[in-house]
Amino acid sequence: MNEIQWGRPTEDLAISISVPEPVCRSGDAIVLSISLKNIGRAPVPIVVRSTWIDYATTVRYEDGTEVPKTEYALQMMEAAQEGRRLTRELMPEEVLTESLELSKAFEMTQPGTYAVVATRATYKRGKLDEYATVTSNELTFKVVPKDNDQ
């Protein structure tokens, strides 16, 4: 997983998601890295609050069924609504990277292949009252039982 995969650019922004290893053990921490890049030639205004609510992350089992969020994730999302709200400019070629512990956010104890996509709302160019959605690459990885060798 060395080459960075980006989702389709929207409003001069692109999102890349990755995990350190393509195979993870059940019960281990699975940390999702989320990178937002300005691929345009001008600064892009973004709202920064918390990774829990700045990105809508969807995880699906290999059969396409959505993996439920944990109670912990729901609490973090609710708490983040009351937290900081900062508007800043993401400069050309600048990358903002954040992380989210997927294994705390989603019920991922079942062995199998999972697919993840992250989206983020962004202002439409020149219109701070209209939004567009930036979508990441689709990431797949495997969870194996804790006692399996990778």
Protein backbone atom coordinates (compact mmCIF):
# COMPACT_ATOMS: atom_id res chain seq x y z
CA MET A 1 0.00 0.00 0.00
CA ASN A 2 2.77 2.41 -0.91
CA GLU A 3 1.20 4.36 -3.77
CA ILE A 4 -1.32 6.99 -2.70
CA GLN A 5 -4.76 6.45 -4.20
CA TRP A 6 -6.97 9.55 -4.43
CA GLY A 7 -10.71 9.80 -4.90
CA ARG A 8 -12.27 11.85 -7.69
CA PRO A 9 -11.37 15.56 -7.35
CA THR A 10 -14.26 17.85 -6.42
CA GLU A 11 -13.99 21.64 -6.05
CA ASP A 12 -10.16 21.35 -6.25
CA LEU A 13 -10.06 18.90 -3.32
CA ALA A 14 -9.24 15.18 -3.26
CA ILE A 15 -9.34 12.63 -0.42
CA SER A 16 -7.12 9.61 0.08
CA ILE A 17 -7.71 6.97 2.74
CA SER A 18 -5.36 4.19 3.81
CA VAL A 19 -4.54 1.75 6.60
CA PRO A 20 -0.99 0.71 7.52
CA GLU A 21 -1.49 -2.96 6.57
CA PRO A 22 -3.84 -4.69 4.10
CA VAL A 23 -4.42 -7.52 6.60
CA CYS A 24 -5.34 -6.81 10.23
CA ARG A 25 -6.05 -9.08 13.19
CA SER A 26 -9.45 -9.06 14.85
CA GLY A 27 -9.33 -7.00 18.02
CA ASP A 28 -6.25 -5.01 17.01
CA ALA A 29 -6.39 -1.25 16.45
CA ILE A 30 -7.18 -0.44 12.83
CA VAL A 31 -6.29 3.21 12.19
CA LEU A 32 -7.58 4.92 9.06
CA SER A 33 -5.43 7.74 7.69
CA ILE A 34 -7.52 10.39 5.90
CA SER A 35 -5.71 12.94 3.72
CA LEU A 36 -7.41 15.97 2.17
CA LYS A 37 -5.40 17.67 -0.58
CA ASN A 38 -5.89 20.96 -2.41
CA ILE A 39 -5.06 20.02 -6.01
CA GLY A 40 -6.01 23.44 -7.36
CA ARG A 41 -4.08 26.66 -7.89
CA ALA A 42 -5.89 28.77 -5.30
CA PRO A 43 -6.60 28.43 -1.56
CA VAL A 44 -9.78 26.50 -0.73
CA PRO A 45 -11.80 27.39 2.40
CA ILE A 46 -12.59 24.41 4.64
CA VAL A 47 -14.32 23.98 7.98
CA VAL A 48 -12.31 22.06 10.57
CA ARG A 49 -14.11 20.60 13.59
CA SER A 50 -13.33 16.97 14.38
CA THR A 51 -12.47 13.95 12.25
CA TRP A 52 -15.59 12.34 13.74
CA ILE A 53 -17.88 14.80 11.94
CA ASP A 54 -15.72 16.40 9.25
CA TYR A 55 -15.77 13.07 7.40
CA ALA A 56 -18.67 10.70 6.90
CA THR A 57 -17.04 7.27 6.89
CA THR A 58 -18.88 4.22 5.62
CA VAL A 59 -17.63 0.68 6.19
CA ARG A 60 -19.20 -2.29 4.42
CA TYR A 61 -18.80 -6.05 4.74
CA GLU A 62 -17.80 -7.89 1.55
CA ASP A 63 -21.49 -8.64 0.85
CA GLY A 64 -22.20 -4.87 0.75
CA THR A 65 -23.98 -4.69 4.12
CA GLU A 66 -23.09 -1.58 6.09
CA VAL A 67 -21.11 -2.17 9.29
CA PRO A 68 -22.80 -0.49 12.28
CA LYS A 69 -21.10 2.29 14.21
CA THR A 70 -20.21 1.60 17.82
CA GLU A 71 -21.78 3.40 20.76
CA TYR A 72 -18.36 5.03 21.26
CA ALA A 73 -18.47 6.50 17.74
CA LEU A 74 -21.97 7.86 18.25
CA GLN A 75 -20.89 9.51 21.51
CA MET A 76 -17.79 11.03 19.87
CA MET A 77 -19.87 12.38 16.97
CA GLU A 78 -22.36 13.94 19.37
CA ALA A 79 -19.61 15.49 21.50
CA ALA A 80 -17.87 16.87 18.39
CA GLN A 81 -21.02 18.80 17.45
CA GLU A 82 -20.42 21.01 20.50
CA GLY A 83 -16.67 21.40 19.93
CA ARG A 84 -14.54 23.85 18.00
CA ARG A 85 -15.41 25.11 14.56
CA LEU A 86 -12.66 26.73 12.58
CA THR A 87 -12.74 27.95 8.99
CA ARG A 88 -9.35 28.03 7.33
CA GLU A 89 -7.83 27.96 3.88
CA LEU A 90 -6.14 24.87 2.52
CA MET A 91 -3.33 26.20 0.33
CA PRO A 92 -2.48 24.79 -3.15
CA GLU A 93 -0.77 21.37 -2.84
CA GLU A 94 -1.30 21.42 0.95
CA VAL A 95 -2.38 18.13 2.51
CA LEU A 96 -4.31 17.92 5.79
CA THR A 97 -3.97 14.41 7.27
CA GLU A 98 -6.04 13.12 10.17
CA SER A 99 -6.67 9.68 11.61
CA LEU A 100 -9.67 7.74 12.83
CA GLU A 101 -9.49 4.47 14.72
CA LEU A 102 -11.91 2.40 12.65
CA SER A 103 -11.88 -0.45 15.14
CA LYS A 104 -13.30 1.88 17.80
CA ALA A 105 -15.77 3.51 15.42
CA PHE A 106 -17.24 0.38 13.79
CA GLU A 107 -18.15 -3.17 14.86
CA MET A 108 -15.27 -4.83 12.98
CA THR A 109 -14.75 -8.00 15.02
CA GLN A 110 -16.01 -10.35 12.29
CA PRO A 111 -13.24 -11.78 10.07
CA GLY A 112 -13.57 -10.96 6.37
CA THR A 113 -12.95 -8.26 3.79
CA TYR A 114 -14.12 -4.73 4.50
CA ALA A 115 -14.55 -1.75 2.15
CA VAL A 116 -14.27 1.84 3.39
CA VAL A 117 -15.15 5.18 1.80
CA ALA A 118 -14.92 8.63 3.38
CA THR A 119 -16.74 11.74 2.21
CA ARG A 120 -16.51 15.37 3.25
CA ALA A 121 -18.74 18.33 2.53
CA THR A 122 -16.97 21.35 1.09
CA TYR A 123 -18.01 24.78 -0.08
CA LYS A 124 -18.74 25.17 -3.76
CA ARG A 125 -16.20 27.46 -5.38
CA GLY A 126 -17.09 31.07 -4.60
CA LYS A 127 -20.32 30.13 -2.78
CA LEU A 128 -20.01 29.79 0.97
CA ASP A 129 -23.70 28.88 1.28
CA GLU A 130 -23.65 25.91 -1.15
CA TYR A 131 -21.91 22.58 -0.66
CA ALA A 132 -20.42 19.79 -2.74
CA THR A 133 -19.29 16.35 -1.56
CA VAL A 134 -15.71 15.14 -1.95
CA THR A 135 -15.40 11.32 -2.01
CA SER A 136 -12.28 9.30 -1.23
CA ASN A 137 -10.87 6.29 -2.98
CA GLU A 138 -12.47 3.00 -1.94
CA LEU A 139 -10.16 1.10 0.39
CA THR A 140 -10.41 -2.63 1.04
CA PHE A 141 -8.60 -4.61 3.71
CA LYS A 142 -8.98 -7.94 5.42
CA VAL A 143 -9.56 -8.79 9.07
CA VAL A 144 -8.39 -12.24 10.15
CA PRO A 145 -8.92 -14.07 13.46
CA LYS A 146 -6.47 -12.94 16.17
CA ASP A 147 -4.59 -16.26 16.20
CA ASN A 148 -4.07 -16.42 12.38
CA ASP A 149 -0.71 -15.72 10.77
CA GLN A 150 -0.85 -12.96 8.19
